[in-house]
Protein backbone atom coordinates (compact mmCIF):
# COMPACT_ATOMS: atom_id res chain seq x y z
CA MET A 1 85.37 98.18 90.52
CA VAL A 2 88.37 98.28 92.25
CA PRO A 3 90.59 95.01 91.57
CA VAL A 4 91.14 92.50 94.63
CA GLN A 5 94.60 92.30 95.82
CA SER A 6 95.43 88.54 95.97
CA GLU A 7 96.26 87.42 99.24
CA GLU A 8 100.20 86.58 97.83
CA MET A 9 100.54 90.15 97.40
CA GLU A 10 99.16 91.30 100.33
CA LYS A 11 101.62 88.97 102.27
CA GLU A 12 104.46 90.19 100.39
CA GLU A 13 103.75 93.99 100.87
CA ALA A 14 103.05 92.65 105.13
CA PHE A 15 106.38 91.36 104.97
CA LYS A 16 107.69 94.61 103.25
CA LEU A 17 106.11 96.69 106.17
CA PHE A 18 107.64 94.12 108.63
CA HIS A 19 110.86 94.28 108.18
CA PHE A 20 110.72 97.97 107.26
CA VAL A 21 109.93 98.62 110.80
CA ASN A 22 112.32 95.90 112.70
CA ARG A 23 114.62 98.54 112.93
CA THR A 24 117.08 96.21 115.19
CA ASP A 25 116.83 93.75 111.92
CA THR A 26 116.39 90.66 113.95
CA GLY A 27 113.10 89.14 112.28
CA PHE A 28 111.46 89.65 115.11
CA LEU A 29 109.24 93.05 115.98
CA THR A 30 109.64 94.40 119.73
CA HIS A 31 106.90 96.15 121.40
CA SER A 32 107.93 99.44 120.75
CA GLU A 33 108.41 98.44 116.79
CA LEU A 34 104.58 97.12 116.80
CA GLN A 35 103.55 99.91 118.50
CA ALA A 36 105.21 101.76 115.28
CA LEU A 37 103.40 99.50 113.19
CA LEU A 38 99.92 99.86 114.37
CA LEU A 39 100.31 104.10 113.76
CA ILE A 40 101.90 103.17 109.90
CA LEU A 41 98.26 101.24 109.40
CA GLY A 42 96.43 103.96 111.15
CA ILE A 43 95.59 102.14 113.38
CA LYS A 44 94.72 104.57 116.28
CA TYR A 45 95.07 102.91 120.50
CA ASN A 46 95.23 104.49 123.14
CA ARG A 47 97.55 102.67 126.68
CA LYS A 48 94.32 100.04 127.23
CA SER A 49 94.03 99.16 123.42
CA LEU A 50 97.74 99.43 122.47
CA GLN A 51 97.59 96.36 125.76
CA HIS A 52 94.89 94.68 123.84
CA CYS A 53 96.47 94.40 120.75
CA VAL A 54 100.03 93.66 121.91
CA HIS A 55 98.69 90.42 123.67
CA ASP A 56 96.47 89.69 120.70
CA ILE A 57 99.48 89.63 118.47
CA ASP A 58 102.20 88.56 121.64
CA PRO A 59 100.11 85.93 123.32
CA SER A 60 103.03 84.07 124.97
CA GLY A 61 104.50 87.76 126.24
CA THR A 62 107.70 87.14 124.68
CA GLY A 63 107.99 90.93 123.80
CA LEU A 64 108.87 89.90 120.54
CA THR A 65 106.71 88.69 117.37
CA ASP A 66 107.93 86.80 114.12
CA PHE A 67 106.44 87.05 110.83
CA PRO A 68 104.46 84.18 110.89
CA THR A 69 102.57 85.07 113.83
CA PHE A 70 101.94 89.09 112.83
CA TRP A 71 100.78 87.56 109.32
CA ALA A 72 98.51 85.18 111.45
CA TRP A 73 97.00 88.13 113.27
CA TRP A 74 96.99 90.04 110.26
CA CYS A 75 94.69 87.67 108.35
CA GLN A 76 92.38 87.50 111.47
CA LYS A 77 92.01 91.43 111.51
CA ARG A 78 91.40 91.51 107.82
CA ILE A 79 89.01 88.81 108.14
CA LEU A 80 86.81 91.28 110.89
CA VAL A 81 87.09 94.19 109.07
CA MET A 82 85.56 92.85 105.72
């Protein structure tokens, strides 16, 4: 039996990944940093699916995504693949 990771541990890992990808160290991911993060997560995309994914993560279109917004997206995607 595989142990289930606690949400707190998963959030901590997501936080570390977020800051690893945040090369500008602003606390916000740019669209290019989001692309890098998606590749690290193994999410394959073409131009259209990338635009859809970026819109899901950044619906206001600011070009910047903070961790709480990223975490909300992460949790939603986790539920969809379970």
